[in-house]
Amino acid sequence: MGRIKTQQIKSKGDELFALHGKEYSKDFQENKERVGQHADVQSKKLRNILAGYMTRKAKQAD
């Protein structure tokens, strides 16, 4: 079983994917940089969780 993402992560991730969906890829490292550019995330942990969620959404979109 995996970890459950909070509603805050899901809503922000869905918003970012709707605005910049084509820029996110299946690569986690690239997505970390993209999340840093597109969102004002205060902590590294939240940025990584959000980047992981974006990676998962990019894989599901293909």
PDB file of N, CA and C in Angstrom:
ATOM      1  N   MET A   1       0.826  -1.175   0.000  1.00  0.00           N
ATOM      2  CA  MET A   1       0.000   0.000   0.000  1.00  0.00           C
ATOM      3  C   MET A   1       0.874   1.244   0.000  1.00  0.00           C
ATOM      4  N   GLY A   2       0.372   2.261  -0.632  1.00  0.00           N
ATOM      5  CA  GLY A   2       1.113   3.509  -0.706  1.00  0.00           C
ATOM      6  C   GLY A   2       0.601   4.509   0.311  1.00  0.00           C
ATOM      7  N   ARG A   3       1.220   5.640   0.294  1.00  0.00           N
ATOM      8  CA  ARG A   3       0.782   6.710   1.186  1.00  0.00           C
ATOM      9  C   ARG A   3      -0.397   7.439   0.569  1.00  0.00           C
ATOM     10  N   ILE A   4      -1.242   7.938   1.431  1.00  0.00           N
ATOM     11  CA  ILE A   4      -2.416   8.689   0.978  1.00  0.00           C
ATOM     12  C   ILE A   4      -2.039  10.161   0.905  1.00  0.00           C
ATOM     13  N   LYS A   5      -2.332  10.788  -0.210  1.00  0.00           N
ATOM     14  CA  LYS A   5      -2.033  12.206  -0.381  1.00  0.00           C
ATOM     15  C   LYS A   5      -3.149  13.046   0.225  1.00  0.00           C
ATOM     16  N   THR A   6      -2.774  14.168   0.836  1.00  0.00           N
ATOM     17  CA  THR A   6      -3.762  15.039   1.460  1.00  0.00           C
ATOM     18  C   THR A   6      -4.555  15.789   0.392  1.00  0.00           C
ATOM     19  N   GLN A   7      -5.652  16.335   0.785  1.00  0.00           N
ATOM     20  CA  GLN A   7      -6.490  17.096  -0.134  1.00  0.00           C
ATOM     21  C   GLN A   7      -5.755  18.325  -0.659  1.00  0.00           C
ATOM     22  N   GLN A   8      -4.893  18.909   0.176  1.00  0.00           N
ATOM     23  CA  GLN A   8      -4.114  20.077  -0.242  1.00  0.00           C
ATOM     24  C   GLN A   8      -3.181  19.714  -1.400  1.00  0.00           C
ATOM     25  N   ILE A   9      -2.504  18.580  -1.309  1.00  0.00           N
ATOM     26  CA  ILE A   9      -1.594  18.133  -2.363  1.00  0.00           C
ATOM     27  C   ILE A   9      -2.375  17.817  -3.635  1.00  0.00           C
ATOM     28  N   LYS A  10      -3.487  17.136  -3.488  1.00  0.00           N
ATOM     29  CA  LYS A  10      -4.285  16.767  -4.663  1.00  0.00           C
ATOM     30  C   LYS A  10      -4.848  17.994  -5.374  1.00  0.00           C
ATOM     31  N   SER A  11      -5.366  18.938  -4.618  1.00  0.00           N
ATOM     32  CA  SER A  11      -5.968  20.112  -5.257  1.00  0.00           C
ATOM     33  C   SER A  11      -4.902  20.974  -5.928  1.00  0.00           C
ATOM     34  N   LYS A  12      -3.767  21.177  -5.264  1.00  0.00           N
ATOM     35  CA  LYS A  12      -2.694  21.971  -5.862  1.00  0.00           C
ATOM     36  C   LYS A  12      -2.105  21.238  -7.071  1.00  0.00           C
ATOM     37  N   GLY A  13      -1.957  19.928  -6.973  1.00  0.00           N
ATOM     38  CA  GLY A  13      -1.435  19.138  -8.084  1.00  0.00           C
ATOM     39  C   GLY A  13      -2.354  19.155  -9.282  1.00  0.00           C
ATOM     40  N   ASP A  14      -3.636  19.032  -9.052  1.00  0.00           N
ATOM     41  CA  ASP A  14      -4.604  19.088 -10.152  1.00  0.00           C
ATOM     42  C   ASP A  14      -4.607  20.463 -10.813  1.00  0.00           C
ATOM     43  N   GLU A  15      -4.476  21.503 -10.001  1.00  0.00           N
ATOM     44  CA  GLU A  15      -4.435  22.868 -10.530  1.00  0.00           C
ATOM     45  C   GLU A  15      -3.187  23.071 -11.397  1.00  0.00           C
ATOM     46  N   LEU A  16      -2.027  22.621 -10.903  1.00  0.00           N
ATOM     47  CA  LEU A  16      -0.789  22.749 -11.667  1.00  0.00           C
ATOM     48  C   LEU A  16      -0.835  21.921 -12.946  1.00  0.00           C
ATOM     49  N   PHE A  17      -1.413  20.727 -12.870  1.00  0.00           N
ATOM     50  CA  PHE A  17      -1.476  19.864 -14.042  1.00  0.00           C
ATOM     51  C   PHE A  17      -2.414  20.444 -15.095  1.00  0.00           C
ATOM     52  N   ALA A  18      -3.472  21.115 -14.655  1.00  0.00           N
ATOM     53  CA  ALA A  18      -4.385  21.750 -15.608  1.00  0.00           C
ATOM     54  C   ALA A  18      -3.717  22.934 -16.309  1.00  0.00           C
ATOM     55  N   LEU A  19      -2.904  23.681 -15.583  1.00  0.00           N
ATOM     56  CA  LEU A  19      -2.247  24.850 -16.156  1.00  0.00           C
ATOM     57  C   LEU A  19      -1.004  24.502 -16.969  1.00  0.00           C
ATOM     58  N   HIS A  20      -0.190  23.565 -16.456  1.00  0.00           N
ATOM     59  CA  HIS A  20       1.117  23.282 -17.054  1.00  0.00           C
ATOM     60  C   HIS A  20       1.313  21.793 -17.305  1.00  0.00           C
ATOM     61  N   GLY A  21       0.279  21.079 -17.666  1.00  0.00           N
ATOM     62  CA  GLY A  21       0.344  19.626 -17.795  1.00  0.00           C
ATOM     63  C   GLY A  21       1.361  19.112 -18.785  1.00  0.00           C
ATOM     64  N   LYS A  22       1.557  19.831 -19.888  1.00  0.00           N
ATOM     65  CA  LYS A  22       2.498  19.383 -20.922  1.00  0.00           C
ATOM     66  C   LYS A  22       3.954  19.478 -20.468  1.00  0.00           C
ATOM     67  N   GLU A  23       4.236  20.304 -19.475  1.00  0.00           N
ATOM     68  CA  GLU A  23       5.617  20.499 -19.020  1.00  0.00           C
ATOM     69  C   GLU A  23       6.086  19.411 -18.054  1.00  0.00           C
ATOM     70  N   TYR A  24       5.165  18.651 -17.482  1.00  0.00           N
ATOM     71  CA  TYR A  24       5.543  17.613 -16.528  1.00  0.00           C
ATOM     72  C   TYR A  24       5.778  16.303 -17.252  1.00  0.00           C
ATOM     73  N   SER A  25       6.792  15.567 -16.801  1.00  0.00           N
ATOM     74  CA  SER A  25       7.166  14.321 -17.458  1.00  0.00           C
ATOM     75  C   SER A  25       7.101  13.172 -16.459  1.00  0.00           C
ATOM     76  N   LYS A  26       7.602  12.022 -16.887  1.00  0.00           N
ATOM     77  CA  LYS A  26       7.630  10.843 -16.026  1.00  0.00           C
ATOM     78  C   LYS A  26       8.862  10.812 -15.141  1.00  0.00           C
ATOM     79  N   ASP A  27       9.717  11.828 -15.254  1.00  0.00           N
ATOM     80  CA  ASP A  27      10.955  11.896 -14.489  1.00  0.00           C
ATOM     81  C   ASP A  27      10.756  12.746 -13.235  1.00  0.00           C
ATOM     82  N   PHE A  28      10.992  12.145 -12.080  1.00  0.00           N
ATOM     83  CA  PHE A  28      10.791  12.821 -10.802  1.00  0.00           C
ATOM     84  C   PHE A  28      11.732  14.011 -10.631  1.00  0.00           C
ATOM     85  N   GLN A  29      12.998  13.859 -11.022  1.00  0.00           N
ATOM     86  CA  GLN A  29      13.974  14.936 -10.852  1.00  0.00           C
ATOM     87  C   GLN A  29      13.593  16.185 -11.639  1.00  0.00           C
ATOM     88  N   GLU A  30      13.129  16.001 -12.856  1.00  0.00           N
ATOM     89  CA  GLU A  30      12.690  17.144 -13.657  1.00  0.00           C
ATOM     90  C   GLU A  30      11.452  17.793 -13.046  1.00  0.00           C
ATOM     91  N   ASN A  31      10.557  16.972 -12.541  1.00  0.00           N
ATOM     92  CA  ASN A  31       9.321  17.496 -11.958  1.00  0.00           C
ATOM     93  C   ASN A  31       9.585  18.284 -10.683  1.00  0.00           C
ATOM     94  N   LYS A  32      10.629  17.924  -9.934  1.00  0.00           N
ATOM     95  CA  LYS A  32      10.978  18.704  -8.744  1.00  0.00           C
ATOM     96  C   LYS A  32      11.327  20.135  -9.137  1.00  0.00           C
ATOM     97  N   GLU A  33      12.087  20.284 -10.209  1.00  0.00           N
ATOM     98  CA  GLU A  33      12.456  21.623 -10.668  1.00  0.00           C
ATOM     99  C   GLU A  33      11.237  22.386 -11.175  1.00  0.00           C
ATOM    100  N   ARG A  34      10.358  21.709 -11.903  1.00  0.00           N
ATOM    101  CA  ARG A  34       9.156  22.346 -12.456  1.00  0.00           C
ATOM    102  C   ARG A  34       8.227  22.825 -11.336  1.00  0.00           C
ATOM    103  N   VAL A  35       8.052  21.992 -10.307  1.00  0.00           N
ATOM    104  CA  VAL A  35       7.185  22.383  -9.189  1.00  0.00           C
ATOM    105  C   VAL A  35       7.775  23.603  -8.490  1.00  0.00           C
ATOM    106  N   GLY A  36       9.093  23.640  -8.343  1.00  0.00           N
ATOM    107  CA  GLY A  36       9.746  24.803  -7.742  1.00  0.00           C
ATOM    108  C   GLY A  36       9.525  26.074  -8.536  1.00  0.00           C
ATOM    109  N   GLN A  37       9.436  25.955  -9.856  1.00  0.00           N
ATOM    110  CA  GLN A  37       9.216  27.119 -10.709  1.00  0.00           C
ATOM    111  C   GLN A  37       7.753  27.564 -10.699  1.00  0.00           C
ATOM    112  N   HIS A  38       6.832  26.616 -10.699  1.00  0.00           N
ATOM    113  CA  HIS A  38       5.415  26.936 -10.870  1.00  0.00           C
ATOM    114  C   HIS A  38       4.667  27.198  -9.569  1.00  0.00           C
ATOM    115  N   ALA A  39       5.153  26.667  -8.462  1.00  0.00           N
ATOM    116  CA  ALA A  39       4.425  26.805  -7.201  1.00  0.00           C
ATOM    117  C   ALA A  39       5.336  27.396  -6.136  1.00  0.00           C
ATOM    118  N   ASP A  40       4.760  28.131  -5.234  1.00  0.00           N
ATOM    119  CA  ASP A  40       5.507  28.698  -4.116  1.00  0.00           C
ATOM    120  C   ASP A  40       5.392  27.739  -2.936  1.00  0.00           C
ATOM    121  N   VAL A  41       6.294  26.758  -2.905  1.00  0.00           N
ATOM    122  CA  VAL A  41       6.284  25.737  -1.863  1.00  0.00           C
ATOM    123  C   VAL A  41       7.371  26.080  -0.858  1.00  0.00           C
ATOM    124  N   GLN A  42       7.008  26.134   0.413  1.00  0.00           N
ATOM    125  CA  GLN A  42       7.925  26.582   1.441  1.00  0.00           C
ATOM    126  C   GLN A  42       8.927  25.516   1.883  1.00  0.00           C
ATOM    127  N   SER A  43       8.550  24.253   1.853  1.00  0.00           N
ATOM    128  CA  SER A  43       9.447  23.219   2.354  1.00  0.00           C
ATOM    129  C   SER A  43       9.821  22.229   1.263  1.00  0.00           C
ATOM    130  N   LYS A  44      10.999  21.646   1.424  1.00  0.00           N
ATOM    131  CA  LYS A  44      11.501  20.677   0.470  1.00  0.00           C
ATOM    132  C   LYS A  44      10.638  19.419   0.472  1.00  0.00           C
ATOM    133  N   LYS A  45      10.151  19.026   1.636  1.00  0.00           N
ATOM    134  CA  LYS A  45       9.331  17.824   1.743  1.00  0.00           C
ATOM    135  C   LYS A  45       8.025  17.971   0.955  1.00  0.00           C
ATOM    136  N   LEU A  46       7.363  19.104   1.098  1.00  0.00           N
ATOM    137  CA  LEU A  46       6.121  19.334   0.348  1.00  0.00           C
ATOM    138  C   LEU A  46       6.380  19.410  -1.147  1.00  0.00           C
ATOM    139  N   ARG A  47       7.495  20.012  -1.528  1.00  0.00           N
ATOM    140  CA  ARG A  47       7.839  20.069  -2.947  1.00  0.00           C
ATOM    141  C   ARG A  47       8.031  18.661  -3.512  1.00  0.00           C
ATOM    142  N   ASN A  48       8.705  17.795  -2.758  1.00  0.00           N
ATOM    143  CA  ASN A  48       8.946  16.432  -3.224  1.00  0.00           C
ATOM    144  C   ASN A  48       7.656  15.622  -3.299  1.00  0.00           C
ATOM    145  N   ILE A  49       6.781  15.803  -2.337  1.00  0.00           N
ATOM    146  CA  ILE A  49       5.501  15.086  -2.360  1.00  0.00           C
ATOM    147  C   ILE A  49       4.682  15.537  -3.564  1.00  0.00           C
ATOM    148  N   LEU A  50       4.668  16.832  -3.802  1.00  0.00           N
ATOM    149  CA  LEU A  50       3.931  17.375  -4.943  1.00  0.00           C
ATOM    150  C   LEU A  50       4.555  16.922  -6.265  1.00  0.00           C
ATOM    151  N   ALA A  51       5.873  16.872  -6.330  1.00  0.00           N
ATOM    152  CA  ALA A  51       6.550  16.398  -7.546  1.00  0.00           C
ATOM    153  C   ALA A  51       6.246  14.927  -7.791  1.00  0.00           C
ATOM    154  N   GLY A  52       6.178  14.136  -6.744  1.00  0.00           N
ATOM    155  CA  GLY A  52       5.821  12.729  -6.888  1.00  0.00           C
ATOM    156  C   GLY A  52       4.398  12.558  -7.386  1.00  0.00           C
ATOM    157  N   TYR A  53       3.505  13.387  -6.899  1.00  0.00           N
ATOM    158  CA  TYR A  53       2.115  13.334  -7.348  1.00  0.00           C
ATOM    159  C   TYR A  53       2.012  13.731  -8.816  1.00  0.00           C
ATOM    160  N   MET A  54       2.795  14.730  -9.214  1.00  0.00           N
ATOM    161  CA  MET A  54       2.789  15.167 -10.608  1.00  0.00           C
ATOM    162  C   MET A  54       3.375  14.090 -11.524  1.00  0.00           C
ATOM    163  N   THR A  55       4.387  13.376 -11.044  1.00  0.00           N
ATOM    164  CA  THR A  55       4.966  12.282 -11.815  1.00  0.00           C
ATOM    165  C   THR A  55       3.933  11.188 -12.025  1.00  0.00           C
ATOM    166  N   ARG A  56       3.202  10.881 -10.990  1.00  0.00           N
ATOM    167  CA  ARG A  56       2.157   9.863 -11.090  1.00  0.00           C
ATOM    168  C   ARG A  56       1.060  10.283 -12.068  1.00  0.00           C
ATOM    169  N   LYS A  57       0.655  11.551 -12.013  1.00  0.00           N
ATOM    170  CA  LYS A  57      -0.374  12.050 -12.931  1.00  0.00           C
ATOM    171  C   LYS A  57       0.120  12.018 -14.369  1.00  0.00           C
ATOM    172  N   ALA A  58       1.398  12.326 -14.596  1.00  0.00           N
ATOM    173  CA  ALA A  58       1.956  12.302 -15.941  1.00  0.00           C
ATOM    174  C   ALA A  58       1.976  10.865 -16.493  1.00  0.00           C
ATOM    175  N   LYS A  59       2.272   9.907 -15.644  1.00  0.00           N
ATOM    176  CA  LYS A  59       2.281   8.510 -16.068  1.00  0.00           C
ATOM    177  C   LYS A  59       0.867   8.034 -16.392  1.00  0.00           C
ATOM    178  N   GLN A  60      -0.108   8.483 -15.636  1.00  0.00           N
ATOM    179  CA  GLN A  60      -1.494   8.084 -15.866  1.00  0.00           C
ATOM    180  C   GLN A  60      -2.052   8.745 -17.131  1.00  0.00           C
ATOM    181  N   ALA A  61      -1.548   9.924 -17.483  1.00  0.00           N
ATOM    182  CA  ALA A  61      -2.049  10.641 -18.647  1.00  0.00           C
ATOM    183  C   ALA A  61      -1.648   9.965 -19.954  1.00  0.00           C
ATOM    184  N   ASP A  62      -0.527   9.262 -19.939  1.00  0.00           N
ATOM    185  CA  ASP A  62      -0.069   8.584 -21.169  1.00  0.00           C
ATOM    186  C   ASP A  62      -0.797   7.301 -21.445  1.00  0.00           C
TER     187      ASP A  62
END
